[in-house]
Amino acid sequence: GGPVEDSWNLLCAGSFDEDVAAVERAGRSRVICAVAA
């Protein structure tokens, strides 16, 4: 949990819309993985 806008690597696991929203908020300066992707 917590904010997705930081610089940590990120894994999103939610509904399609929840994952999309999290990825849109997150920066691209780290590794991002989402189930929806």
PDB file of all heavy atoms in Angstrom:
ATOM      1  N   GLY A   1       0.806  -1.202   0.000  1.00  0.00           N
ATOM      2  CA  GLY A   1       0.000   0.000   0.000  1.00  0.00           C
ATOM      3  C   GLY A   1       0.841   1.254   0.000  1.00  0.00           C
ATOM      4  O   GLY A   1       2.061   1.218  -0.155  1.00  0.00           O
ATOM      5  N   GLY A   2       0.160   2.388   0.153  1.00  0.00           N
ATOM      6  CA  GLY A   2       0.851   3.669   0.184  1.00  0.00           C
ATOM      7  C   GLY A   2       0.822   4.365  -1.162  1.00  0.00           C
ATOM      8  O   GLY A   2       0.223   3.876  -2.128  1.00  0.00           O
ATOM      9  N   PRO A   3       1.474   5.512  -1.277  1.00  0.00           N
ATOM     10  CA  PRO A   3       1.434   6.305  -2.517  1.00  0.00           C
ATOM     11  C   PRO A   3       2.214   5.634  -3.636  1.00  0.00           C
ATOM     12  O   PRO A   3       3.280   5.054  -3.412  1.00  0.00           O
ATOM     13  CB  PRO A   3       2.097   7.624  -2.106  1.00  0.00           C
ATOM     14  CG  PRO A   3       3.011   7.242  -0.986  1.00  0.00           C
ATOM     15  CD  PRO A   3       2.303   6.150  -0.230  1.00  0.00           C
ATOM     16  N   VAL A   4       1.683   5.702  -4.850  1.00  0.00           N
ATOM     17  CA  VAL A   4       2.363   5.097  -5.993  1.00  0.00           C
ATOM     18  C   VAL A   4       3.236   6.107  -6.725  1.00  0.00           C
ATOM     19  O   VAL A   4       3.871   5.765  -7.722  1.00  0.00           O
ATOM     20  CB  VAL A   4       1.343   4.491  -6.984  1.00  0.00           C
ATOM     21  CG1 VAL A   4       0.515   3.419  -6.310  1.00  0.00           C
ATOM     22  CG2 VAL A   4       0.450   5.569  -7.581  1.00  0.00           C
ATOM     23  N   GLU A   5       3.272   7.344  -6.229  1.00  0.00           N
ATOM     24  CA  GLU A   5       4.009   8.383  -6.934  1.00  0.00           C
ATOM     25  C   GLU A   5       5.492   8.423  -6.559  1.00  0.00           C
ATOM     26  O   GLU A   5       6.251   9.238  -7.077  1.00  0.00           O
ATOM     27  CB  GLU A   5       3.390   9.763  -6.653  1.00  0.00           C
ATOM     28  CG  GLU A   5       2.010   9.954  -7.243  1.00  0.00           C
ATOM     29  CD  GLU A   5       0.895   9.405  -6.357  1.00  0.00           C
ATOM     30  OE1 GLU A   5       1.214   8.868  -5.258  1.00  0.00           O
ATOM     31  OE2 GLU A   5      -0.281   9.497  -6.746  1.00  0.00           O
ATOM     32  N   ASP A   6       5.931   7.562  -5.633  1.00  0.00           N
ATOM     33  CA  ASP A   6       7.330   7.602  -5.218  1.00  0.00           C
ATOM     34  C   ASP A   6       8.214   6.878  -6.240  1.00  0.00           C
ATOM     35  O   ASP A   6       7.762   6.540  -7.330  1.00  0.00           O
ATOM     36  CB  ASP A   6       7.497   7.017  -3.811  1.00  0.00           C
ATOM     37  CG  ASP A   6       7.060   5.559  -3.736  1.00  0.00           C
ATOM     38  OD1 ASP A   6       6.949   4.917  -4.785  1.00  0.00           O
ATOM     39  OD2 ASP A   6       6.837   5.067  -2.608  1.00  0.00           O
ATOM     40  N   SER A   7       9.462   6.619  -5.878  1.00  0.00           N
ATOM     41  CA  SER A   7      10.415   6.046  -6.830  1.00  0.00           C
ATOM     42  C   SER A   7      10.635   4.550  -6.638  1.00  0.00           C
ATOM     43  O   SER A   7      11.507   3.964  -7.296  1.00  0.00           O
ATOM     44  CB  SER A   7      11.762   6.772  -6.705  1.00  0.00           C
ATOM     45  OG  SER A   7      12.286   6.621  -5.395  1.00  0.00           O
ATOM     46  N   TRP A   8       9.861   3.901  -5.774  1.00  0.00           N
ATOM     47  CA  TRP A   8      10.024   2.467  -5.551  1.00  0.00           C
ATOM     48  C   TRP A   8       9.502   1.681  -6.758  1.00  0.00           C
ATOM     49  O   TRP A   8       8.575   2.119  -7.456  1.00  0.00           O
ATOM     50  CB  TRP A   8       9.251   2.039  -4.316  1.00  0.00           C
ATOM     51  CG  TRP A   8       9.868   2.469  -3.017  1.00  0.00           C
ATOM     52  CD1 TRP A   8      10.600   3.595  -2.787  1.00  0.00           C
ATOM     53  CD2 TRP A   8       9.797   1.781  -1.781  1.00  0.00           C
ATOM     54  NE1 TRP A   8      10.982   3.659  -1.482  1.00  0.00           N
ATOM     55  CE2 TRP A   8      10.498   2.558  -0.830  1.00  0.00           C
ATOM     56  CE3 TRP A   8       9.195   0.594  -1.366  1.00  0.00           C
ATOM     57  CZ2 TRP A   8      10.636   2.178   0.488  1.00  0.00           C
ATOM     58  CZ3 TRP A   8       9.313   0.215  -0.041  1.00  0.00           C
ATOM     59  CH2 TRP A   8      10.033   0.989   0.879  1.00  0.00           C
ATOM     60  N   ASN A   9      10.085   0.488  -6.974  1.00  0.00           N
ATOM     61  CA  ASN A   9       9.483  -0.430  -7.928  1.00  0.00           C
ATOM     62  C   ASN A   9       8.051  -0.713  -7.486  1.00  0.00           C
ATOM     63  O   ASN A   9       7.752  -0.698  -6.284  1.00  0.00           O
ATOM     64  CB  ASN A   9      10.276  -1.729  -8.010  1.00  0.00           C
ATOM     65  CG  ASN A   9      11.615  -1.560  -8.698  1.00  0.00           C
ATOM     66  OD1 ASN A   9      11.850  -0.553  -9.385  1.00  0.00           O
ATOM     67  ND2 ASN A   9      12.502  -2.526  -8.521  1.00  0.00           N
ATOM     68  N   LEU A  10       7.172  -0.971  -8.457  1.00  0.00           N
ATOM     69  CA  LEU A  10       5.743  -1.019  -8.161  1.00  0.00           C
ATOM     70  C   LEU A  10       5.078  -2.228  -8.798  1.00  0.00           C
ATOM     71  O   LEU A  10       5.303  -2.524  -9.980  1.00  0.00           O
ATOM     72  CB  LEU A  10       5.068   0.256  -8.682  1.00  0.00           C
ATOM     73  CG  LEU A  10       3.544   0.367  -8.532  1.00  0.00           C
ATOM     74  CD1 LEU A  10       3.151   0.445  -7.066  1.00  0.00           C
ATOM     75  CD2 LEU A  10       3.033   1.587  -9.300  1.00  0.00           C
ATOM     76  N   LEU A  11       4.255  -2.919  -8.022  1.00  0.00           N
ATOM     77  CA  LEU A  11       3.383  -3.977  -8.530  1.00  0.00           C
ATOM     78  C   LEU A  11       1.948  -3.613  -8.195  1.00  0.00           C
ATOM     79  O   LEU A  11       1.620  -3.378  -7.027  1.00  0.00           O
ATOM     80  CB  LEU A  11       3.731  -5.329  -7.905  1.00  0.00           C
ATOM     81  CG  LEU A  11       2.770  -6.490  -8.239  1.00  0.00           C
ATOM     82  CD1 LEU A  11       2.819  -6.823  -9.720  1.00  0.00           C
ATOM     83  CD2 LEU A  11       3.079  -7.721  -7.395  1.00  0.00           C
ATOM     84  N   CYS A  12       1.077  -3.564  -9.212  1.00  0.00           N
ATOM     85  CA  CYS A  12      -0.342  -3.251  -9.030  1.00  0.00           C
ATOM     86  C   CYS A  12      -1.165  -4.512  -9.253  1.00  0.00           C
ATOM     87  O   CYS A  12      -1.025  -5.173 -10.288  1.00  0.00           O
ATOM     88  CB  CYS A  12      -0.805  -2.190 -10.032  1.00  0.00           C
ATOM     89  SG  CYS A  12       0.195  -0.708 -10.088  1.00  0.00           S
ATOM     90  N   ALA A  13      -2.026  -4.817  -8.315  1.00  0.00           N
ATOM     91  CA  ALA A  13      -2.909  -5.976  -8.439  1.00  0.00           C
ATOM     92  C   ALA A  13      -4.302  -5.559  -8.013  1.00  0.00           C
ATOM     93  O   ALA A  13      -4.607  -5.500  -6.824  1.00  0.00           O
ATOM     94  CB  ALA A  13      -2.407  -7.129  -7.580  1.00  0.00           C
ATOM     95  N   GLY A  14      -5.149  -5.252  -8.979  1.00  0.00           N
ATOM     96  CA  GLY A  14      -6.518  -4.854  -8.676  1.00  0.00           C
ATOM     97  C   GLY A  14      -7.407  -5.145  -9.858  1.00  0.00           C
ATOM     98  O   GLY A  14      -7.075  -5.965 -10.716  1.00  0.00           O
ATOM     99  N   SER A  15      -8.539  -4.498  -9.919  1.00  0.00           N
ATOM    100  CA  SER A  15      -9.365  -4.585 -11.119  1.00  0.00           C
ATOM    101  C   SER A  15      -8.650  -3.887 -12.264  1.00  0.00           C
ATOM    102  O   SER A  15      -7.662  -3.159 -12.057  1.00  0.00           O
ATOM    103  CB  SER A  15     -10.717  -3.923 -10.874  1.00  0.00           C
ATOM    104  OG  SER A  15     -10.549  -2.513 -10.759  1.00  0.00           O
ATOM    105  N   PHE A  16      -9.133  -4.077 -13.475  1.00  0.00           N
ATOM    106  CA  PHE A  16      -8.514  -3.434 -14.637  1.00  0.00           C
ATOM    107  C   PHE A  16      -8.456  -1.923 -14.437  1.00  0.00           C
ATOM    108  O   PHE A  16      -7.400  -1.296 -14.621  1.00  0.00           O
ATOM    109  CB  PHE A  16      -9.308  -3.780 -15.897  1.00  0.00           C
ATOM    110  CG  PHE A  16      -8.699  -3.242 -17.171  1.00  0.00           C
ATOM    111  CD1 PHE A  16      -7.729  -3.954 -17.838  1.00  0.00           C
ATOM    112  CD2 PHE A  16      -9.105  -2.014 -17.684  1.00  0.00           C
ATOM    113  CE1 PHE A  16      -7.155  -3.464 -19.020  1.00  0.00           C
ATOM    114  CE2 PHE A  16      -8.553  -1.512 -18.848  1.00  0.00           C
ATOM    115  CZ  PHE A  16      -7.574  -2.246 -19.515  1.00  0.00           C
ATOM    116  N   ASP A  17      -9.561  -1.335 -14.039  1.00  0.00           N
ATOM    117  CA  ASP A  17      -9.613   0.120 -13.875  1.00  0.00           C
ATOM    118  C   ASP A  17      -8.719   0.594 -12.732  1.00  0.00           C
ATOM    119  O   ASP A  17      -8.095   1.654 -12.819  1.00  0.00           O
ATOM    120  CB  ASP A  17     -11.057   0.580 -13.645  1.00  0.00           C
ATOM    121  CG  ASP A  17     -11.926   0.377 -14.879  1.00  0.00           C
ATOM    122  OD1 ASP A  17     -11.377   0.378 -15.987  1.00  0.00           O
ATOM    123  OD2 ASP A  17     -13.151   0.213 -14.712  1.00  0.00           O
ATOM    124  N   GLU A  18      -8.652  -0.174 -11.644  1.00  0.00           N
ATOM    125  CA  GLU A  18      -7.780   0.198 -10.529  1.00  0.00           C
ATOM    126  C   GLU A  18      -6.317   0.180 -10.941  1.00  0.00           C
ATOM    127  O   GLU A  18      -5.539   1.085 -10.597  1.00  0.00           O
ATOM    128  CB  GLU A  18      -8.005  -0.752  -9.349  1.00  0.00           C
ATOM    129  CG  GLU A  18      -9.327  -0.522  -8.619  1.00  0.00           C
ATOM    130  CD  GLU A  18      -9.635  -1.621  -7.621  1.00  0.00           C
ATOM    131  OE1 GLU A  18      -9.133  -2.758  -7.797  1.00  0.00           O
ATOM    132  OE2 GLU A  18     -10.394  -1.354  -6.677  1.00  0.00           O
ATOM    133  N   ASP A  19      -5.929  -0.836 -11.699  1.00  0.00           N
ATOM    134  CA  ASP A  19      -4.539  -0.915 -12.157  1.00  0.00           C
ATOM    135  C   ASP A  19      -4.198   0.220 -13.112  1.00  0.00           C
ATOM    136  O   ASP A  19      -3.115   0.819 -13.033  1.00  0.00           O
ATOM    137  CB  ASP A  19      -4.292  -2.257 -12.846  1.00  0.00           C
ATOM    138  CG  ASP A  19      -4.041  -3.387 -11.858  1.00  0.00           C
ATOM    139  OD1 ASP A  19      -4.111  -3.136 -10.641  1.00  0.00           O
ATOM    140  OD2 ASP A  19      -3.773  -4.516 -12.306  1.00  0.00           O
ATOM    141  N   VAL A  20      -5.101   0.512 -14.029  1.00  0.00           N
ATOM    142  CA  VAL A  20      -4.869   1.606 -14.979  1.00  0.00           C
ATOM    143  C   VAL A  20      -4.674   2.924 -14.241  1.00  0.00           C
ATOM    144  O   VAL A  20      -3.760   3.698 -14.538  1.00  0.00           O
ATOM    145  CB  VAL A  20      -6.030   1.706 -15.988  1.00  0.00           C
ATOM    146  CG1 VAL A  20      -5.972   3.020 -16.769  1.00  0.00           C
ATOM    147  CG2 VAL A  20      -5.983   0.521 -16.955  1.00  0.00           C
ATOM    148  N   ALA A  21      -5.528   3.179 -13.262  1.00  0.00           N
ATOM    149  CA  ALA A  21      -5.428   4.426 -12.501  1.00  0.00           C
ATOM    150  C   ALA A  21      -4.098   4.508 -11.754  1.00  0.00           C
ATOM    151  O   ALA A  21      -3.458   5.574 -11.705  1.00  0.00           O
ATOM    152  CB  ALA A  21      -6.596   4.535 -11.521  1.00  0.00           C
ATOM    153  N   ALA A  22      -3.652   3.388 -11.175  1.00  0.00           N
ATOM    154  CA  ALA A  22      -2.393   3.386 -10.433  1.00  0.00           C
ATOM    155  C   ALA A  22      -1.207   3.629 -11.358  1.00  0.00           C
ATOM    156  O   ALA A  22      -0.293   4.394 -11.033  1.00  0.00           O
ATOM    157  CB  ALA A  22      -2.225   2.064  -9.697  1.00  0.00           C
ATOM    158  N   VAL A  23      -1.220   2.999 -12.521  1.00  0.00           N
ATOM    159  CA  VAL A  23      -0.127   3.179 -13.477  1.00  0.00           C
ATOM    160  C   VAL A  23      -0.089   4.611 -13.995  1.00  0.00           C
ATOM    161  O   VAL A  23       0.985   5.204 -14.171  1.00  0.00           O
ATOM    162  CB  VAL A  23      -0.249   2.176 -14.642  1.00  0.00           C
ATOM    163  CG1 VAL A  23       0.749   2.503 -15.756  1.00  0.00           C
ATOM    164  CG2 VAL A  23      -0.033   0.748 -14.146  1.00  0.00           C
ATOM    165  N   GLU A  24      -1.234   5.200 -14.226  1.00  0.00           N
ATOM    166  CA  GLU A  24      -1.285   6.575 -14.712  1.00  0.00           C
ATOM    167  C   GLU A  24      -0.705   7.543 -13.678  1.00  0.00           C
ATOM    168  O   GLU A  24      -0.068   8.540 -14.035  1.00  0.00           O
ATOM    169  CB  GLU A  24      -2.731   6.970 -15.045  1.00  0.00           C
ATOM    170  CG  GLU A  24      -3.301   6.305 -16.289  1.00  0.00           C
ATOM    171  CD  GLU A  24      -2.796   6.934 -17.581  1.00  0.00           C
ATOM    172  OE1 GLU A  24      -1.570   7.155 -17.704  1.00  0.00           O
ATOM    173  OE2 GLU A  24      -3.616   7.211 -18.458  1.00  0.00           O
ATOM    174  N   ARG A  25      -0.915   7.264 -12.393  1.00  0.00           N
ATOM    175  CA  ARG A  25      -0.390   8.140 -11.353  1.00  0.00           C
ATOM    176  C   ARG A  25       1.103   7.945 -11.128  1.00  0.00           C
ATOM    177  O   ARG A  25       1.800   8.855 -10.686  1.00  0.00           O
ATOM    178  CB  ARG A  25      -1.129   7.897 -10.015  1.00  0.00           C
ATOM    179  CG  ARG A  25      -2.587   8.286 -10.021  1.00  0.00           C
ATOM    180  CD  ARG A  25      -3.116   8.426  -8.589  1.00  0.00           C
ATOM    181  NE  ARG A  25      -2.794   7.286  -7.739  1.00  0.00           N
ATOM    182  CZ  ARG A  25      -3.534   6.192  -7.641  1.00  0.00           C
ATOM    183  NH1 ARG A  25      -4.641   6.075  -8.375  1.00  0.00           N
ATOM    184  NH2 ARG A  25      -3.183   5.206  -6.833  1.00  0.00           N
ATOM    185  N   ALA A  26       1.573   6.759 -11.407  1.00  0.00           N
ATOM    186  CA  ALA A  26       2.971   6.434 -11.124  1.00  0.00           C
ATOM    187  C   ALA A  26       3.890   7.003 -12.193  1.00  0.00           C
ATOM    188  O   ALA A  26       3.538   7.089 -13.376  1.00  0.00           O
ATOM    189  CB  ALA A  26       3.142   4.918 -11.051  1.00  0.00           C
ATOM    190  N   GLY A  27       5.084   7.390 -11.794  1.00  0.00           N
ATOM    191  CA  GLY A  27       6.088   7.831 -12.756  1.00  0.00           C
ATOM    192  C   GLY A  27       6.708   6.642 -13.461  1.00  0.00           C
ATOM    193  O   GLY A  27       6.496   5.490 -13.087  1.00  0.00           O
ATOM    194  N   ARG A  28       7.491   6.915 -14.495  1.00  0.00           N
ATOM    195  CA  ARG A  28       8.107   5.835 -15.268  1.00  0.00           C
ATOM    196  C   ARG A  28       9.608   5.713 -14.962  1.00  0.00           C
ATOM    197  O   ARG A  28      10.357   5.148 -15.745  1.00  0.00           O
ATOM    198  CB  ARG A  28       7.915   6.086 -16.769  1.00  0.00           C
ATOM    199  CG  ARG A  28       6.475   6.023 -17.239  1.00  0.00           C
ATOM    200  CD  ARG A  28       5.898   4.621 -17.099  1.00  0.00           C
ATOM    201  NE  ARG A  28       4.684   4.468 -17.855  1.00  0.00           N
ATOM    202  CZ  ARG A  28       3.491   4.783 -17.416  1.00  0.00           C
ATOM    203  NH1 ARG A  28       3.364   5.281 -16.199  1.00  0.00           N
ATOM    204  NH2 ARG A  28       2.424   4.613 -18.166  1.00  0.00           N
ATOM    205  N   SER A  29      10.039   6.220 -13.809  1.00  0.00           N
ATOM    206  CA  SER A  29      11.465   6.207 -13.494  1.00  0.00           C
ATOM    207  C   SER A  29      11.882   4.937 -12.757  1.00  0.00           C
ATOM    208  O   SER A  29      13.008   4.812 -12.336  1.00  0.00           O
ATOM    209  CB  SER A  29      11.818   7.436 -12.642  1.00  0.00           C
ATOM    210  OG  SER A  29      11.078   7.439 -11.435  1.00  0.00           O
ATOM    211  N   ARG A  30      10.948   4.007 -12.566  1.00  0.00           N
ATOM    212  CA  ARG A  30      11.261   2.740 -11.886  1.00  0.00           C
ATOM    213  C   ARG A  30      10.528   1.614 -12.607  1.00  0.00           C
ATOM    214  O   ARG A  30       9.818   1.819 -13.587  1.00  0.00           O
ATOM    215  CB  ARG A  30      10.888   2.810 -10.415  1.00  0.00           C
ATOM    216  CG  ARG A  30       9.457   3.039  -9.929  1.00  0.00           C
ATOM    217  CD  ARG A  30       8.546   3.852 -10.596  1.00  0.00           C
ATOM    218  NE  ARG A  30       7.377   4.453 -10.120  1.00  0.00           N
ATOM    219  CZ  ARG A  30       6.692   4.350  -9.009  1.00  0.00           C
ATOM    220  NH1 ARG A  30       7.067   3.607  -8.038  1.00  0.00           N
ATOM    221  NH2 ARG A  30       5.602   5.027  -8.831  1.00  0.00           N
ATOM    222  N   VAL A  31      10.687   0.401 -12.137  1.00  0.00           N
ATOM    223  CA  VAL A  31      10.038  -0.756 -12.746  1.00  0.00           C
ATOM    224  C   VAL A  31       8.593  -0.826 -12.269  1.00  0.00           C
ATOM    225  O   VAL A  31       8.320  -0.779 -11.074  1.00  0.00           O
ATOM    226  CB  VAL A  31      10.784  -2.048 -12.387  1.00  0.00           C
ATOM    227  CG1 VAL A  31      10.072  -3.257 -12.999  1.00  0.00           C
ATOM    228  CG2 VAL A  31      12.228  -1.987 -12.857  1.00  0.00           C
ATOM    229  N   ILE A  32       7.658  -0.953 -13.219  1.00  0.00           N
ATOM    230  CA  ILE A  32       6.236  -1.037 -12.902  1.00  0.00           C
ATOM    231  C   ILE A  32       5.666  -2.301 -13.541  1.00  0.00           C
ATOM    232  O   ILE A  32       5.892  -2.567 -14.729  1.00  0.00           O
ATOM    233  CB  ILE A  32       5.459   0.184 -13.421  1.00  0.00           C
ATOM    234  CG1 ILE A  32       5.978   1.467 -12.775  1.00  0.00           C
ATOM    235  CG2 ILE A  32       3.961   0.021 -13.169  1.00  0.00           C
ATOM    236  CD1 ILE A  32       5.347   2.719 -13.333  1.00  0.00           C
ATOM    237  N   CYS A  33       4.917  -3.051 -12.761  1.00  0.00           N
ATOM    238  CA  CYS A  33       4.223  -4.232 -13.270  1.00  0.00           C
ATOM    239  C   CYS A  33       2.770  -4.160 -12.810  1.00  0.00           C
ATOM    240  O   CYS A  33       2.495  -3.829 -11.658  1.00  0.00           O
ATOM    241  CB  CYS A  33       4.878  -5.510 -12.748  1.00  0.00           C
ATOM    242  SG  CYS A  33       4.093  -7.044 -13.320  1.00  0.00           S
ATOM    243  N   ALA A  34       1.845  -4.456 -13.721  1.00  0.00           N
ATOM    244  CA  ALA A  34       0.419  -4.426 -13.400  1.00  0.00           C
ATOM    245  C   ALA A  34      -0.267  -5.647 -13.989  1.00  0.00           C
ATOM    246  O   ALA A  34       0.011  -6.038 -15.127  1.00  0.00           O
ATOM    247  CB  ALA A  34      -0.236  -3.150 -13.953  1.00  0.00           C
ATOM    248  N   VAL A  35      -1.154  -6.240 -13.208  1.00  0.00           N
ATOM    249  CA  VAL A  35      -1.908  -7.384 -13.708  1.00  0.00           C
ATOM    250  C   VAL A  35      -2.697  -6.987 -14.954  1.00  0.00           C
ATOM    251  O   VAL A  35      -2.765  -7.733 -15.932  1.00  0.00           O
ATOM    252  CB  VAL A  35      -2.844  -7.930 -12.618  1.00  0.00           C
ATOM    253  CG1 VAL A  35      -3.788  -8.986 -13.193  1.00  0.00           C
ATOM    254  CG2 VAL A  35      -2.041  -8.527 -11.458  1.00  0.00           C
ATOM    255  N   ALA A  36      -3.277  -5.782 -14.957  1.00  0.00           N
ATOM    256  CA  ALA A  36      -4.078  -5.324 -16.093  1.00  0.00           C
ATOM    257  C   ALA A  36      -3.281  -5.209 -17.374  1.00  0.00           C
ATOM    258  O   ALA A  36      -3.830  -5.302 -18.476  1.00  0.00           O
ATOM    259  CB  ALA A  36      -4.718  -3.974 -15.773  1.00  0.00           C
ATOM    260  N   ALA A  37      -1.963  -5.008 -17.259  1.00  0.00           N
ATOM    261  CA  ALA A  37      -1.129  -4.846 -18.452  1.00  0.00           C
ATOM    262  C   ALA A  37      -0.928  -6.161 -19.191  1.00  0.00           C
ATOM    263  O   ALA A  37      -0.261  -6.192 -20.233  1.00  0.00           O
ATOM    264  CB  ALA A  37       0.225  -4.249 -18.065  1.00  0.00           C
TER     265      ALA A  37
END
